[in-house]
């Protein structure tokens, strides 16, 4: 995955283990044809790291 605004983007999965919220990096993610995947808190989400120079924070909906 590439971005003009960030040096690195990773897909992570959130989960609860022994009552503690944790995240795990997903190296390979397969999405079947004609299916969908939701990125949401508490599930799969993007980690946007190392903003590039000139990046301006924006609100997403």
PDB file of N, CA and C in Angstrom:
ATOM      1  N   UNK A   1       0.836  -1.150   0.000  1.00  0.00           N
ATOM      2  CA  UNK A   1       0.000   0.000   0.000  1.00  0.00           C
ATOM      3  C   UNK A   1       0.898   1.235   0.000  1.00  0.00           C
ATOM      4  N   UNK A   2       0.532   2.240  -0.794  1.00  0.00           N
ATOM      5  CA  UNK A   2       1.339   3.453  -0.895  1.00  0.00           C
ATOM      6  C   UNK A   2       0.466   4.681  -0.670  1.00  0.00           C
ATOM      7  N   UNK A   3       1.111   5.753  -0.223  1.00  0.00           N
ATOM      8  CA  UNK A   3       0.409   6.999   0.038  1.00  0.00           C
ATOM      9  C   UNK A   3       1.300   8.182  -0.304  1.00  0.00           C
ATOM     10  N   UNK A   4       0.686   9.258  -0.787  1.00  0.00           N
ATOM     11  CA  UNK A   4       1.420  10.499  -1.010  1.00  0.00           C
ATOM     12  C   UNK A   4       1.605  11.274   0.289  1.00  0.00           C
ATOM     13  N   UNK A   5       0.861  10.915   1.334  1.00  0.00           N
ATOM     14  CA  UNK A   5       0.881  11.673   2.583  1.00  0.00           C
ATOM     15  C   UNK A   5       1.656  10.998   3.712  1.00  0.00           C
ATOM     16  N   UNK A   6       1.874   9.666   3.616  1.00  0.00           N
ATOM     17  CA  UNK A   6       2.550   8.927   4.686  1.00  0.00           C
ATOM     18  C   UNK A   6       3.629   8.019   4.110  1.00  0.00           C
ATOM     19  N   UNK A   7       4.715   7.875   4.859  1.00  0.00           N
ATOM     20  CA  UNK A   7       5.797   6.990   4.424  1.00  0.00           C
ATOM     21  C   UNK A   7       5.423   5.522   4.558  1.00  0.00           C
ATOM     22  N   UNK A   8       4.555   5.207   5.512  1.00  0.00           N
ATOM     23  CA  UNK A   8       4.238   3.801   5.766  1.00  0.00           C
ATOM     24  C   UNK A   8       2.771   3.654   6.150  1.00  0.00           C
ATOM     25  N   UNK A   9       2.123   2.639   5.596  1.00  0.00           N
ATOM     26  CA  UNK A   9       0.751   2.294   5.942  1.00  0.00           C
ATOM     27  C   UNK A   9       0.710   0.796   6.212  1.00  0.00           C
ATOM     28  N   UNK A  10       0.088   0.415   7.329  1.00  0.00           N
ATOM     29  CA  UNK A  10      -0.058  -0.998   7.674  1.00  0.00           C
ATOM     30  C   UNK A  10      -1.524  -1.282   7.976  1.00  0.00           C
ATOM     31  N   UNK A  11      -1.947  -2.517   7.709  1.00  0.00           N
ATOM     32  CA  UNK A  11      -3.270  -2.976   8.113  1.00  0.00           C
ATOM     33  C   UNK A  11      -3.095  -3.729   9.420  1.00  0.00           C
ATOM     34  N   UNK A  12      -3.938  -3.388  10.407  1.00  0.00           N
ATOM     35  CA  UNK A  12      -3.883  -4.047  11.706  1.00  0.00           C
ATOM     36  C   UNK A  12      -5.254  -4.603  12.061  1.00  0.00           C
ATOM     37  N   UNK A  13      -5.253  -5.600  12.925  1.00  0.00           N
ATOM     38  CA  UNK A  13      -6.469  -6.171  13.476  1.00  0.00           C
ATOM     39  C   UNK A  13      -6.446  -5.964  14.981  1.00  0.00           C
ATOM     40  N   UNK A  14      -7.545  -5.502  15.556  1.00  0.00           N
ATOM     41  CA  UNK A  14      -7.656  -5.331  17.004  1.00  0.00           C
ATOM     42  C   UNK A  14      -8.339  -6.550  17.603  1.00  0.00           C
ATOM     43  N   UNK A  15      -7.940  -6.902  18.821  1.00  0.00           N
ATOM     44  CA  UNK A  15      -8.553  -8.026  19.520  1.00  0.00           C
ATOM     45  C   UNK A  15      -8.325  -7.869  21.019  1.00  0.00           C
ATOM     46  N   UNK A  16      -9.088  -8.611  21.805  1.00  0.00           N
ATOM     47  CA  UNK A  16      -8.942  -8.616  23.261  1.00  0.00           C
ATOM     48  C   UNK A  16      -8.299  -9.937  23.666  1.00  0.00           C
ATOM     49  N   UNK A  17      -7.229  -9.854  24.459  1.00  0.00           N
ATOM     50  CA  UNK A  17      -6.548 -11.051  24.957  1.00  0.00           C
ATOM     51  C   UNK A  17      -6.314 -10.883  26.453  1.00  0.00           C
ATOM     52  N   UNK A  18      -6.872 -11.795  27.245  1.00  0.00           N
ATOM     53  CA  UNK A  18      -6.755 -11.725  28.707  1.00  0.00           C
ATOM     54  C   UNK A  18      -7.221 -10.369  29.237  1.00  0.00           C
ATOM     55  N   UNK A  19      -8.298  -9.845  28.648  1.00  0.00           N
ATOM     56  CA  UNK A  19      -8.868  -8.585  29.089  1.00  0.00           C
ATOM     57  C   UNK A  19      -8.109  -7.349  28.644  1.00  0.00           C
ATOM     58  N   UNK A  20      -7.105  -7.521  27.804  1.00  0.00           N
ATOM     59  CA  UNK A  20      -6.287  -6.403  27.334  1.00  0.00           C
ATOM     60  C   UNK A  20      -6.484  -6.226  25.833  1.00  0.00           C
ATOM     61  N   UNK A  21      -6.755  -4.987  25.421  1.00  0.00           N
ATOM     62  CA  UNK A  21      -6.913  -4.682  24.004  1.00  0.00           C
ATOM     63  C   UNK A  21      -5.543  -4.673  23.330  1.00  0.00           C
ATOM     64  N   UNK A  22      -5.435  -5.410  22.219  1.00  0.00           N
ATOM     65  CA  UNK A  22      -4.162  -5.513  21.499  1.00  0.00           C
ATOM     66  C   UNK A  22      -4.396  -5.348  20.007  1.00  0.00           C
ATOM     67  N   UNK A  23      -3.301  -5.131  19.275  1.00  0.00           N
ATOM     68  CA  UNK A  23      -3.347  -5.040  17.817  1.00  0.00           C
ATOM     69  C   UNK A  23      -2.303  -5.969  17.225  1.00  0.00           C
ATOM     70  N   UNK A  24      -2.599  -6.459  16.041  1.00  0.00           N
ATOM     71  CA  UNK A  24      -1.660  -7.323  15.330  1.00  0.00           C
ATOM     72  C   UNK A  24      -1.574  -6.840  13.885  1.00  0.00           C
ATOM     73  N   UNK A  25      -0.349  -6.695  13.384  1.00  0.00           N
ATOM     74  CA  UNK A  25      -0.138  -6.316  11.986  1.00  0.00           C
ATOM     75  C   UNK A  25      -0.554  -7.478  11.092  1.00  0.00           C
ATOM     76  N   UNK A  26      -1.274  -7.166  10.019  1.00  0.00           N
ATOM     77  CA  UNK A  26      -1.706  -8.163   9.042  1.00  0.00           C
ATOM     78  C   UNK A  26      -0.802  -8.023   7.819  1.00  0.00           C
ATOM     79  N   UNK A  27      -0.021  -9.053   7.547  1.00  0.00           N
ATOM     80  CA  UNK A  27       0.913  -8.995   6.418  1.00  0.00           C
ATOM     81  C   UNK A  27       0.257  -9.318   5.084  1.00  0.00           C
ATOM     82  N   UNK A  28      -0.665 -10.251   5.080  1.00  0.00           N
ATOM     83  CA  UNK A  28      -1.359 -10.651   3.852  1.00  0.00           C
ATOM     84  C   UNK A  28      -2.847 -10.703   4.135  1.00  0.00           C
ATOM     85  N   UNK A  29      -3.608  -9.985   3.354  1.00  0.00           N
ATOM     86  CA  UNK A  29      -5.051  -9.943   3.545  1.00  0.00           C
ATOM     87  C   UNK A  29      -5.720 -10.274   2.220  1.00  0.00           C
ATOM     88  N   UNK A  30      -6.478 -11.333   2.215  1.00  0.00           N
ATOM     89  CA  UNK A  30      -7.206 -11.731   1.003  1.00  0.00           C
ATOM     90  C   UNK A  30      -8.669 -11.355   1.157  1.00  0.00           C
ATOM     91  N   UNK A  31      -9.180 -10.686   0.152  1.00  0.00           N
ATOM     92  CA  UNK A  31     -10.589 -10.325   0.119  1.00  0.00           C
ATOM     93  C   UNK A  31     -11.175 -11.018  -1.101  1.00  0.00           C
ATOM     94  N   UNK A  32     -12.120 -11.898  -0.859  1.00  0.00           N
ATOM     95  CA  UNK A  32     -12.716 -12.682  -1.944  1.00  0.00           C
ATOM     96  C   UNK A  32     -13.460 -11.783  -2.924  1.00  0.00           C
ATOM     97  N   UNK A  33     -13.501 -12.236  -4.158  1.00  0.00           N
ATOM     98  CA  UNK A  33     -14.227 -11.527  -5.201  1.00  0.00           C
ATOM     99  C   UNK A  33     -15.687 -11.370  -4.795  1.00  0.00           C
ATOM    100  N   UNK A  34     -16.269 -10.222  -5.094  1.00  0.00           N
ATOM    101  CA  UNK A  34     -17.665  -9.904  -4.790  1.00  0.00           C
ATOM    102  C   UNK A  34     -17.969  -9.911  -3.296  1.00  0.00           C
ATOM    103  N   UNK A  35     -16.972  -9.651  -2.470  1.00  0.00           N
ATOM    104  CA  UNK A  35     -17.203  -9.530  -1.031  1.00  0.00           C
ATOM    105  C   UNK A  35     -16.754  -8.141  -0.595  1.00  0.00           C
ATOM    106  N   UNK A  36     -16.971  -7.826   0.652  1.00  0.00           N
ATOM    107  CA  UNK A  36     -16.541  -6.530   1.158  1.00  0.00           C
ATOM    108  C   UNK A  36     -15.867  -6.700   2.509  1.00  0.00           C
ATOM    109  N   UNK A  37     -15.100  -5.693   2.860  1.00  0.00           N
ATOM    110  CA  UNK A  37     -14.398  -5.685   4.134  1.00  0.00           C
ATOM    111  C   UNK A  37     -14.567  -4.303   4.734  1.00  0.00           C
ATOM    112  N   UNK A  38     -14.866  -4.246   6.014  1.00  0.00           N
ATOM    113  CA  UNK A  38     -15.038  -2.965   6.685  1.00  0.00           C
ATOM    114  C   UNK A  38     -13.821  -2.666   7.537  1.00  0.00           C
ATOM    115  N   UNK A  39     -13.336  -1.443   7.429  1.00  0.00           N
ATOM    116  CA  UNK A  39     -12.294  -0.948   8.313  1.00  0.00           C
ATOM    117  C   UNK A  39     -13.012  -0.175   9.403  1.00  0.00           C
ATOM    118  N   UNK A  40     -12.849  -0.605  10.661  1.00  0.00           N
ATOM    119  CA  UNK A  40     -13.565   0.034  11.753  1.00  0.00           C
ATOM    120  C   UNK A  40     -12.844  -0.165  13.079  1.00  0.00           C
ATOM    121  N   UNK A  41     -13.093   0.736  14.045  1.00  0.00           N
ATOM    122  CA  UNK A  41     -12.484   0.570  15.367  1.00  0.00           C
ATOM    123  C   UNK A  41     -12.865  -0.789  15.959  1.00  0.00           C
ATOM    124  N   UNK A  42     -11.924  -1.436  16.593  1.00  0.00           N
ATOM    125  CA  UNK A  42     -12.176  -2.738  17.191  1.00  0.00           C
ATOM    126  C   UNK A  42     -12.065  -3.885  16.207  1.00  0.00           C
ATOM    127  N   UNK A  43     -11.673  -3.604  14.985  1.00  0.00           N
ATOM    128  CA  UNK A  43     -11.523  -4.634  13.958  1.00  0.00           C
ATOM    129  C   UNK A  43     -10.314  -4.316  13.102  1.00  0.00           C
ATOM    130  N   UNK A  44     -10.483  -4.465  11.802  1.00  0.00           N
ATOM    131  CA  UNK A  44      -9.398  -4.100  10.890  1.00  0.00           C
ATOM    132  C   UNK A  44      -9.343  -2.582  10.762  1.00  0.00           C
ATOM    133  N   UNK A  45      -8.132  -2.042  10.714  1.00  0.00           N
ATOM    134  CA  UNK A  45      -7.955  -0.604  10.553  1.00  0.00           C
ATOM    135  C   UNK A  45      -6.587  -0.326   9.946  1.00  0.00           C
ATOM    136  N   UNK A  46      -6.422   0.884   9.421  1.00  0.00           N
ATOM    137  CA  UNK A  46      -5.146   1.298   8.840  1.00  0.00           C
ATOM    138  C   UNK A  46      -4.332   2.051   9.879  1.00  0.00           C
ATOM    139  N   UNK A  47      -3.046   1.771   9.919  1.00  0.00           N
ATOM    140  CA  UNK A  47      -2.107   2.529  10.739  1.00  0.00           C
ATOM    141  C   UNK A  47      -1.324   3.411   9.771  1.00  0.00           C
ATOM    142  N   UNK A  48      -1.528   4.714   9.857  1.00  0.00           N
ATOM    143  CA  UNK A  48      -0.846   5.682   8.999  1.00  0.00           C
ATOM    144  C   UNK A  48       0.338   6.222   9.785  1.00  0.00           C
ATOM    145  N   UNK A  49       1.557   5.959   9.299  1.00  0.00           N
ATOM    146  CA  UNK A  49       2.758   6.297  10.062  1.00  0.00           C
ATOM    147  C   UNK A  49       3.695   7.196   9.267  1.00  0.00           C
ATOM    148  N   UNK A  50       4.413   8.015   9.989  1.00  0.00           N
ATOM    149  CA  UNK A  50       5.425   8.916   9.432  1.00  0.00           C
ATOM    150  C   UNK A  50       4.839   9.833   8.355  1.00  0.00           C
ATOM    151  N   UNK A  51       4.044  10.832   8.783  1.00  0.00           N
ATOM    152  CA  UNK A  51       3.507  11.777   7.799  1.00  0.00           C
ATOM    153  C   UNK A  51       4.632  12.468   7.037  1.00  0.00           C
ATOM    154  N   UNK A  52       4.414  12.643   5.749  1.00  0.00           N
ATOM    155  CA  UNK A  52       5.417  13.308   4.916  1.00  0.00           C
ATOM    156  C   UNK A  52       5.341  14.818   5.118  1.00  0.00           C
ATOM    157  N   UNK A  53       6.436  15.487   4.823  1.00  0.00           N
ATOM    158  CA  UNK A  53       6.506  16.941   4.973  1.00  0.00           C
ATOM    159  C   UNK A  53       5.389  17.586   4.161  1.00  0.00           C
ATOM    160  N   UNK A  54       4.714  18.533   4.764  1.00  0.00           N
ATOM    161  CA  UNK A  54       3.624  19.220   4.095  1.00  0.00           C
ATOM    162  C   UNK A  54       2.265  18.592   4.337  1.00  0.00           C
ATOM    163  N   UNK A  55       2.230  17.458   5.047  1.00  0.00           N
ATOM    164  CA  UNK A  55       0.949  16.802   5.335  1.00  0.00           C
ATOM    165  C   UNK A  55       0.084  17.712   6.194  1.00  0.00           C
ATOM    166  N   UNK A  56      -1.177  17.846   5.829  1.00  0.00           N
ATOM    167  CA  UNK A  56      -2.128  18.624   6.617  1.00  0.00           C
ATOM    168  C   UNK A  56      -3.213  17.692   7.114  1.00  0.00           C
ATOM    169  N   UNK A  57      -3.423  17.708   8.409  1.00  0.00           N
ATOM    170  CA  UNK A  57      -4.427  16.841   9.028  1.00  0.00           C
ATOM    171  C   UNK A  57      -5.818  17.236   8.549  1.00  0.00           C
ATOM    172  N   UNK A  58      -6.619  16.237   8.194  1.00  0.00           N
ATOM    173  CA  UNK A  58      -7.983  16.463   7.722  1.00  0.00           C
ATOM    174  C   UNK A  58      -8.927  15.550   8.471  1.00  0.00           C
ATOM    175  N   UNK A  59     -10.178  15.942   8.541  1.00  0.00           N
ATOM    176  CA  UNK A  59     -11.194  15.126   9.193  1.00  0.00           C
ATOM    177  C   UNK A  59     -11.855  14.237   8.145  1.00  0.00           C
ATOM    178  N   UNK A  60     -11.956  12.943   8.462  1.00  0.00           N
ATOM    179  CA  UNK A  60     -12.597  11.982   7.566  1.00  0.00           C
ATOM    180  C   UNK A  60     -13.933  11.571   8.157  1.00  0.00           C
ATOM    181  N   UNK A  61     -14.855  11.200   7.302  1.00  0.00           N
ATOM    182  CA  UNK A  61     -16.145  10.713   7.791  1.00  0.00           C
ATOM    183  C   UNK A  61     -16.449   9.360   7.206  1.00  0.00           C
TER     184      UNK A  61
END
